């Protein structure tokens, strides 16, 4: 009995290791999920020479970090035209549905992208977004370049 339980545990750990995110995605057929990686530095770093703008950018990072902490499986998000808004509104060009989460990011399925969205060809795709990539998205949408 213990051998069987240990073998099941090893299989489960191996399946999770294949994704690179322990404890995530029970479906072992998800080996081809695209990852949107976090940039090496936040957009705020480039703004250090402008202290006021840098401080505003850091506040925006704190806002989106709080937003991400409250995001959970089943939530709907806007991936273009309003990421970080509490409600997905009419100006949203691409909606996403949070399928799963781990401490490093979110597995999001693209839904209902408009034809002029950068996600137009991604309808139905499941994409893993690292937290830093979502922070970058939030900052870009708010004009921090």
N, C-alpha and C. Protein backbone atom coordinates (compact mmCIF):
# COMPACT_ATOMS: atom_id res chain seq x y z
N UNK A 1 0.83 -1.20 0.00
CA UNK A 1 0.00 0.00 0.00
C UNK A 1 0.86 1.26 0.00
N UNK A 2 1.90 1.29 0.84
CA UNK A 2 2.75 2.48 0.90
C UNK A 2 3.49 2.70 -0.42
N UNK A 3 3.88 1.62 -1.07
CA UNK A 3 4.57 1.73 -2.34
C UNK A 3 3.66 2.37 -3.38
N UNK A 4 2.39 1.97 -3.40
CA UNK A 4 1.42 2.54 -4.34
C UNK A 4 1.20 4.01 -4.10
N UNK A 5 1.10 4.41 -2.84
CA UNK A 5 0.90 5.82 -2.50
C UNK A 5 2.15 6.62 -2.87
N UNK A 6 3.32 6.06 -2.59
CA UNK A 6 4.56 6.75 -2.94
C UNK A 6 4.69 6.89 -4.45
N UNK A 7 4.31 5.88 -5.20
CA UNK A 7 4.37 5.94 -6.66
C UNK A 7 3.42 6.99 -7.20
N UNK A 8 2.20 7.07 -6.64
CA UNK A 8 1.25 8.09 -7.06
C UNK A 8 1.80 9.49 -6.77
N UNK A 9 2.42 9.64 -5.62
CA UNK A 9 3.01 10.94 -5.26
C UNK A 9 4.11 11.33 -6.23
N UNK A 10 4.94 10.36 -6.63
CA UNK A 10 6.01 10.63 -7.58
C UNK A 10 5.46 11.02 -8.94
N UNK A 11 4.42 10.33 -9.39
CA UNK A 11 3.79 10.66 -10.67
C UNK A 11 3.20 12.07 -10.61
N UNK A 12 2.54 12.41 -9.54
CA UNK A 12 1.94 13.74 -9.40
C UNK A 12 3.01 14.83 -9.40
N UNK A 13 4.12 14.60 -8.70
CA UNK A 13 5.19 15.58 -8.65
C UNK A 13 5.83 15.73 -10.03
N UNK A 14 5.99 14.64 -10.74
CA UNK A 14 6.57 14.69 -12.08
C UNK A 14 5.66 15.46 -13.01
N UNK A 15 4.37 15.25 -12.92
CA UNK A 15 3.42 15.96 -13.78
C UNK A 15 3.48 17.45 -13.53
N UNK A 16 3.54 17.85 -12.27
CA UNK A 16 3.62 19.27 -11.95
C UNK A 16 4.96 19.85 -12.39
N UNK A 17 6.02 19.09 -12.23
CA UNK A 17 7.34 19.57 -12.61
C UNK A 17 7.40 19.85 -14.11
N UNK A 18 6.63 19.14 -14.89
CA UNK A 18 6.60 19.36 -16.33
C UNK A 18 6.12 20.75 -16.69
N UNK A 19 5.34 21.37 -15.85
CA UNK A 19 4.85 22.72 -16.09
C UNK A 19 5.80 23.76 -15.51
N UNK A 20 6.65 23.34 -14.59
CA UNK A 20 7.53 24.28 -13.94
C UNK A 20 6.89 25.03 -12.80
N UNK A 21 5.65 24.69 -12.47
CA UNK A 21 4.94 25.36 -11.39
C UNK A 21 4.33 24.30 -10.49
N UNK A 22 4.96 24.03 -9.38
CA UNK A 22 4.50 22.98 -8.50
C UNK A 22 3.08 23.24 -8.02
N UNK A 23 2.27 22.20 -8.03
CA UNK A 23 0.92 22.29 -7.50
C UNK A 23 -0.08 22.92 -8.44
N UNK A 24 0.29 23.13 -9.69
CA UNK A 24 -0.61 23.83 -10.59
C UNK A 24 -1.04 22.92 -11.72
N UNK A 25 -2.27 23.08 -12.17
CA UNK A 25 -2.81 22.43 -13.35
C UNK A 25 -2.89 20.92 -13.21
N UNK A 26 -4.02 20.46 -12.77
CA UNK A 26 -4.24 19.03 -12.58
C UNK A 26 -4.25 18.28 -13.91
N UNK A 27 -4.61 18.94 -14.99
CA UNK A 27 -4.67 18.29 -16.30
C UNK A 27 -3.26 18.12 -16.86
N UNK A 28 -2.81 16.88 -16.96
CA UNK A 28 -1.44 16.62 -17.36
C UNK A 28 -1.24 16.75 -18.87
N UNK A 29 -2.24 17.13 -19.63
CA UNK A 29 -2.10 17.28 -21.07
C UNK A 29 -1.73 18.72 -21.46
N UNK A 30 -1.48 19.58 -20.51
CA UNK A 30 -1.21 20.99 -20.76
C UNK A 30 0.27 21.30 -20.97
N UNK A 31 0.98 20.51 -21.72
CA UNK A 31 2.41 20.72 -21.88
C UNK A 31 2.75 21.83 -22.85
N UNK A 32 1.81 22.32 -23.61
CA UNK A 32 2.08 23.33 -24.63
C UNK A 32 1.55 24.72 -24.27
N UNK A 33 1.39 24.99 -23.00
CA UNK A 33 0.87 26.29 -22.57
C UNK A 33 1.96 27.34 -22.72
N UNK A 34 1.59 28.42 -23.40
CA UNK A 34 2.50 29.55 -23.59
C UNK A 34 2.66 30.29 -22.27
N UNK A 35 3.85 30.83 -22.04
CA UNK A 35 4.11 31.64 -20.85
C UNK A 35 4.48 33.05 -21.27
N UNK A 36 3.85 34.03 -20.64
CA UNK A 36 4.25 35.42 -20.82
C UNK A 36 5.09 35.75 -19.59
N UNK A 37 6.39 35.87 -19.83
CA UNK A 37 7.34 36.07 -18.74
C UNK A 37 7.38 37.52 -18.28
N UNK A 38 7.77 37.68 -17.04
CA UNK A 38 7.95 39.01 -16.48
C UNK A 38 9.21 39.64 -17.09
N UNK A 39 9.17 40.95 -17.33
CA UNK A 39 10.39 41.60 -17.81
C UNK A 39 11.44 41.61 -16.69
N UNK A 40 12.70 41.75 -17.04
CA UNK A 40 13.75 41.71 -16.01
C UNK A 40 13.68 42.88 -15.02
N UNK A 41 13.12 44.02 -15.47
CA UNK A 41 12.99 45.19 -14.59
C UNK A 41 11.62 45.80 -14.81
N UNK A 42 11.08 46.45 -13.77
CA UNK A 42 9.79 47.12 -13.94
C UNK A 42 9.98 48.40 -14.74
N UNK A 43 8.91 48.85 -15.32
CA UNK A 43 8.93 50.09 -16.09
C UNK A 43 9.31 51.27 -15.20
N UNK A 44 9.08 51.15 -13.92
CA UNK A 44 9.39 52.24 -12.99
C UNK A 44 10.89 52.52 -12.92
N UNK A 45 11.71 51.50 -13.11
CA UNK A 45 13.15 51.67 -13.01
C UNK A 45 13.65 52.74 -13.98
N UNK A 46 13.09 52.82 -15.16
CA UNK A 46 13.51 53.80 -16.16
C UNK A 46 13.09 55.22 -15.78
N UNK A 47 12.29 55.36 -14.75
CA UNK A 47 11.75 56.68 -14.37
C UNK A 47 12.43 57.25 -13.13
N UNK A 48 13.48 56.64 -12.67
CA UNK A 48 14.15 57.11 -11.45
C UNK A 48 14.62 58.56 -11.55
N UNK A 49 14.96 59.02 -12.74
CA UNK A 49 15.43 60.40 -12.91
C UNK A 49 14.32 61.42 -12.69
N UNK A 50 13.08 60.99 -12.77
CA UNK A 50 11.94 61.88 -12.55
C UNK A 50 11.24 61.41 -11.27
N UNK A 51 11.68 61.93 -10.11
CA UNK A 51 11.19 61.41 -8.82
C UNK A 51 9.67 61.37 -8.66
N UNK A 52 8.97 62.38 -9.13
CA UNK A 52 7.51 62.40 -8.98
C UNK A 52 6.87 61.28 -9.79
N UNK A 53 7.29 61.14 -11.04
CA UNK A 53 6.75 60.09 -11.90
C UNK A 53 7.14 58.71 -11.36
N UNK A 54 8.36 58.59 -10.87
CA UNK A 54 8.82 57.33 -10.30
C UNK A 54 7.94 56.94 -9.10
N UNK A 55 7.64 57.90 -8.24
CA UNK A 55 6.79 57.64 -7.08
C UNK A 55 5.38 57.23 -7.50
N UNK A 56 4.83 57.92 -8.51
CA UNK A 56 3.51 57.56 -9.02
C UNK A 56 3.53 56.14 -9.60
N UNK A 57 4.57 55.81 -10.29
CA UNK A 57 4.71 54.47 -10.87
C UNK A 57 4.77 53.42 -9.77
N UNK A 58 5.52 53.70 -8.72
CA UNK A 58 5.62 52.76 -7.60
C UNK A 58 4.25 52.57 -6.92
N UNK A 59 3.47 53.64 -6.85
CA UNK A 59 2.10 53.53 -6.31
C UNK A 59 1.25 52.63 -7.20
N UNK A 60 1.42 52.78 -8.51
CA UNK A 60 0.67 51.94 -9.45
C UNK A 60 1.07 50.47 -9.29
N UNK A 61 2.34 50.21 -9.05
CA UNK A 61 2.80 48.83 -8.80
C UNK A 61 2.12 48.29 -7.54
N UNK A 62 2.04 49.11 -6.50
CA UNK A 62 1.37 48.67 -5.27
C UNK A 62 -0.11 48.39 -5.52
N UNK A 63 -0.77 49.23 -6.34
CA UNK A 63 -2.18 49.02 -6.67
C UNK A 63 -2.40 47.70 -7.40
N UNK A 64 -1.59 47.44 -8.42
CA UNK A 64 -1.79 46.21 -9.19
C UNK A 64 -1.37 44.99 -8.39
N UNK A 65 -0.42 45.13 -7.51
CA UNK A 65 -0.03 44.01 -6.65
C UNK A 65 -1.19 43.63 -5.73
N UNK A 66 -1.88 44.62 -5.19
CA UNK A 66 -3.06 44.35 -4.36
C UNK A 66 -4.15 43.70 -5.20
N UNK A 67 -4.34 44.16 -6.43
CA UNK A 67 -5.32 43.58 -7.34
C UNK A 67 -5.00 42.11 -7.59
N UNK A 68 -3.74 41.80 -7.86
CA UNK A 68 -3.34 40.43 -8.13
C UNK A 68 -3.54 39.53 -6.91
N UNK A 69 -3.32 40.06 -5.72
CA UNK A 69 -3.51 39.26 -4.50
C UNK A 69 -4.96 38.82 -4.33
N UNK A 70 -5.88 39.62 -4.82
CA UNK A 70 -7.30 39.30 -4.67
C UNK A 70 -7.88 38.53 -5.86
N UNK A 71 -7.10 38.39 -6.91
CA UNK A 71 -7.54 37.66 -8.09
C UNK A 71 -7.52 36.16 -7.80
N UNK A 72 -8.57 35.47 -8.23
CA UNK A 72 -8.61 34.03 -7.97
C UNK A 72 -9.28 33.28 -9.11
N UNK A 73 -9.20 31.99 -9.03
CA UNK A 73 -9.77 31.11 -10.03
C UNK A 73 -11.26 31.45 -10.24
N UNK A 74 -11.65 31.56 -11.49
CA UNK A 74 -13.03 31.88 -11.83
C UNK A 74 -13.26 33.35 -12.12
N UNK A 75 -12.33 34.21 -11.74
CA UNK A 75 -12.49 35.64 -12.00
C UNK A 75 -12.32 35.95 -13.48
N UNK A 76 -13.01 37.00 -13.91
CA UNK A 76 -12.85 37.50 -15.27
C UNK A 76 -11.96 38.74 -15.20
N UNK A 77 -11.03 38.84 -16.15
CA UNK A 77 -10.12 39.98 -16.20
C UNK A 77 -10.12 40.55 -17.61
N UNK A 78 -9.69 41.78 -17.71
CA UNK A 78 -9.51 42.40 -19.01
C UNK A 78 -8.01 42.38 -19.30
N UNK A 79 -7.63 41.86 -20.45
CA UNK A 79 -6.21 41.79 -20.81
C UNK A 79 -5.78 42.92 -21.75
N UNK A 80 -6.73 43.72 -22.19
CA UNK A 80 -6.40 44.87 -23.03
C UNK A 80 -7.53 45.89 -22.93
N UNK A 81 -7.16 47.08 -22.49
CA UNK A 81 -8.16 48.14 -22.38
C UNK A 81 -8.83 48.19 -21.02
N UNK A 82 -8.07 47.89 -19.97
CA UNK A 82 -8.65 47.99 -18.63
C UNK A 82 -8.15 46.94 -17.65
N UNK A 83 -6.94 46.41 -17.86
CA UNK A 83 -6.44 45.44 -16.90
C UNK A 83 -6.31 46.09 -15.53
N UNK A 84 -6.79 45.41 -14.53
CA UNK A 84 -6.74 45.92 -13.17
C UNK A 84 -8.01 46.59 -12.72
N UNK A 85 -8.93 46.84 -13.64
CA UNK A 85 -10.22 47.42 -13.26
C UNK A 85 -11.03 46.37 -12.51
N UNK A 86 -11.78 46.80 -11.52
CA UNK A 86 -12.58 45.87 -10.73
C UNK A 86 -13.63 45.15 -11.57
N UNK A 87 -14.17 45.84 -12.55
CA UNK A 87 -15.17 45.23 -13.44
C UNK A 87 -14.68 45.33 -14.88
N UNK A 88 -14.91 44.28 -15.62
CA UNK A 88 -14.55 44.29 -17.03
C UNK A 88 -15.61 45.11 -17.77
N UNK A 89 -15.18 46.22 -18.31
CA UNK A 89 -16.13 47.15 -18.93
C UNK A 89 -16.18 47.06 -20.44
N UNK A 90 -16.92 48.01 -21.03
CA UNK A 90 -17.13 48.04 -22.47
C UNK A 90 -15.86 48.35 -23.26
N UNK A 91 -14.92 49.05 -22.66
CA UNK A 91 -13.71 49.40 -23.40
C UNK A 91 -12.70 48.24 -23.47
N UNK A 92 -12.99 47.15 -22.81
CA UNK A 92 -12.12 45.98 -22.80
C UNK A 92 -12.11 45.31 -24.17
N UNK A 93 -10.91 45.16 -24.75
CA UNK A 93 -10.77 44.55 -26.07
C UNK A 93 -10.53 43.04 -26.01
N UNK A 94 -10.13 42.53 -24.84
CA UNK A 94 -9.87 41.10 -24.70
C UNK A 94 -10.12 40.69 -23.26
N UNK A 95 -11.06 39.80 -23.09
CA UNK A 95 -11.37 39.29 -21.75
C UNK A 95 -10.60 38.00 -21.51
N UNK A 96 -10.36 37.74 -20.25
CA UNK A 96 -9.70 36.50 -19.88
C UNK A 96 -10.40 35.91 -18.68
N UNK A 97 -10.33 34.60 -18.57
CA UNK A 97 -10.94 33.88 -17.45
C UNK A 97 -9.81 33.19 -16.70
N UNK A 98 -9.69 33.47 -15.41
CA UNK A 98 -8.63 32.86 -14.60
C UNK A 98 -8.99 31.41 -14.36
N UNK A 99 -8.16 30.52 -14.91
CA UNK A 99 -8.38 29.08 -14.76
C UNK A 99 -7.68 28.52 -13.54
N UNK A 100 -6.51 29.07 -13.23
CA UNK A 100 -5.72 28.56 -12.11
C UNK A 100 -4.71 29.62 -11.71
N UNK A 101 -4.12 29.43 -10.55
CA UNK A 101 -3.14 30.39 -10.04
C UNK A 101 -2.13 29.68 -9.17
N UNK A 102 -0.95 30.25 -9.12
CA UNK A 102 0.05 29.82 -8.15
C UNK A 102 0.75 31.07 -7.64
N UNK A 103 1.68 30.98 -6.74
CA UNK A 103 2.31 32.20 -6.20
C UNK A 103 3.06 33.03 -7.24
N UNK A 104 3.35 32.46 -8.39
CA UNK A 104 4.16 33.15 -9.38
C UNK A 104 3.36 33.74 -10.54
N UNK A 105 2.08 33.34 -10.68
CA UNK A 105 1.29 33.85 -11.79
C UNK A 105 -0.07 33.21 -11.94
N UNK A 106 -0.66 33.42 -13.12
CA UNK A 106 -2.03 32.99 -13.37
C UNK A 106 -2.15 32.33 -14.73
N UNK A 107 -2.92 31.25 -14.78
CA UNK A 107 -3.27 30.61 -16.03
C UNK A 107 -4.60 31.23 -16.47
N UNK A 108 -4.58 31.90 -17.63
CA UNK A 108 -5.74 32.65 -18.09
C UNK A 108 -6.13 32.17 -19.49
N UNK A 109 -7.43 31.93 -19.66
CA UNK A 109 -7.95 31.57 -20.97
C UNK A 109 -8.49 32.84 -21.63
N UNK A 110 -8.04 33.08 -22.86
CA UNK A 110 -8.47 34.26 -23.61
C UNK A 110 -9.90 34.03 -24.11
N UNK A 111 -10.76 35.02 -23.87
CA UNK A 111 -12.16 34.92 -24.30
C UNK A 111 -12.60 36.23 -24.93
N UNK A 112 -13.35 36.11 -25.97
CA UNK A 112 -14.00 37.25 -26.62
C UNK A 112 -13.08 38.41 -27.00
N UNK A 113 -11.93 38.14 -27.63
CA UNK A 113 -11.12 39.28 -28.06
C UNK A 113 -11.76 39.98 -29.26
N UNK A 114 -11.72 41.29 -29.27
CA UNK A 114 -12.25 42.02 -30.42
C UNK A 114 -11.25 41.90 -31.57
N UNK A 115 -11.73 42.17 -32.77
CA UNK A 115 -10.88 42.02 -33.96
C UNK A 115 -9.68 42.96 -33.97
N UNK A 116 -9.79 44.09 -33.27
CA UNK A 116 -8.66 45.03 -33.22
C UNK A 116 -7.78 44.83 -32.00
N UNK A 117 -7.95 43.75 -31.29
CA UNK A 117 -7.15 43.45 -30.11
C UNK A 117 -5.86 42.73 -30.50
N UNK A 118 -4.82 42.94 -29.74
CA UNK A 118 -3.57 42.19 -29.97
C UNK A 118 -3.77 40.71 -29.67
N UNK A 119 -4.85 40.36 -28.99
CA UNK A 119 -5.17 38.97 -28.65
C UNK A 119 -6.19 38.37 -29.60
N UNK A 120 -6.51 39.03 -30.71
CA UNK A 120 -7.56 38.58 -31.62
C UNK A 120 -7.38 37.14 -32.09
N UNK A 121 -6.17 36.72 -32.32
CA UNK A 121 -5.93 35.36 -32.80
C UNK A 121 -5.76 34.35 -31.67
N UNK A 122 -5.98 34.78 -30.44
CA UNK A 122 -5.74 33.91 -29.29
C UNK A 122 -7.02 33.36 -28.65
N UNK A 123 -8.16 33.54 -29.29
CA UNK A 123 -9.43 33.08 -28.74
C UNK A 123 -9.31 31.64 -28.23
N UNK A 124 -9.64 31.43 -26.98
CA UNK A 124 -9.66 30.10 -26.39
C UNK A 124 -8.32 29.59 -25.88
N UNK A 125 -7.23 30.26 -26.23
CA UNK A 125 -5.91 29.80 -25.78
C UNK A 125 -5.75 30.02 -24.28
N UNK A 126 -5.03 29.10 -23.68
CA UNK A 126 -4.68 29.21 -22.26
C UNK A 126 -3.22 29.66 -22.18
N UNK A 127 -3.02 30.76 -21.45
CA UNK A 127 -1.69 31.36 -21.36
C UNK A 127 -1.38 31.59 -19.89
N UNK A 128 -0.15 31.21 -19.52
CA UNK A 128 0.31 31.46 -18.16
C UNK A 128 1.03 32.80 -18.14
N UNK A 129 0.52 33.73 -17.33
CA UNK A 129 1.12 35.05 -17.18
C UNK A 129 1.84 35.10 -15.84
N UNK A 130 3.13 35.35 -15.87
CA UNK A 130 3.85 35.57 -14.62
C UNK A 130 3.36 36.88 -14.01
N UNK A 131 3.41 36.97 -12.69
CA UNK A 131 2.92 38.18 -12.00
C UNK A 131 3.56 39.44 -12.56
N UNK A 132 4.86 39.41 -12.77
CA UNK A 132 5.56 40.58 -13.29
C UNK A 132 5.09 41.00 -14.67
N UNK A 133 4.65 40.04 -15.48
CA UNK A 133 4.11 40.37 -16.80
C UNK A 133 2.79 41.11 -16.67
N UNK A 134 1.98 40.73 -15.68
CA UNK A 134 0.71 41.42 -15.46
C UNK A 134 0.93 42.81 -14.87
N UNK A 135 1.94 42.94 -14.02
CA UNK A 135 2.30 44.27 -13.50
C UNK A 135 2.72 45.16 -14.67
N UNK A 136 3.53 44.62 -15.57
CA UNK A 136 3.99 45.36 -16.74
C UNK A 136 2.81 45.78 -17.62
N UNK A 137 1.86 44.88 -17.80
CA UNK A 137 0.66 45.18 -18.58
C UNK A 137 -0.10 46.36 -17.95
N UNK A 138 -0.27 46.31 -16.65
CA UNK A 138 -0.97 47.37 -15.93
C UNK A 138 -0.27 48.72 -16.11
N UNK A 139 1.06 48.72 -15.95
CA UNK A 139 1.82 49.96 -16.07
C UNK A 139 1.77 50.50 -17.50
N UNK A 140 1.88 49.62 -18.48
CA UNK A 140 1.84 50.04 -19.89
C UNK A 140 0.49 50.67 -20.21
N UNK A 141 -0.59 50.07 -19.71
CA UNK A 141 -1.92 50.63 -19.97
C UNK A 141 -2.12 51.98 -19.30
N UNK A 142 -1.35 52.28 -18.31
CA UNK A 142 -1.48 53.56 -17.61
C UNK A 142 -0.45 54.57 -18.07
N UNK A 143 0.24 54.27 -19.17
CA UNK A 143 1.12 55.24 -19.80
C UNK A 143 2.55 55.28 -19.32
N UNK A 144 2.97 54.35 -18.48
CA UNK A 144 4.36 54.33 -18.03
C UNK A 144 5.21 53.63 -19.08
N UNK A 145 5.96 54.39 -19.81
CA UNK A 145 6.77 53.83 -20.91
C UNK A 145 8.23 53.90 -20.62
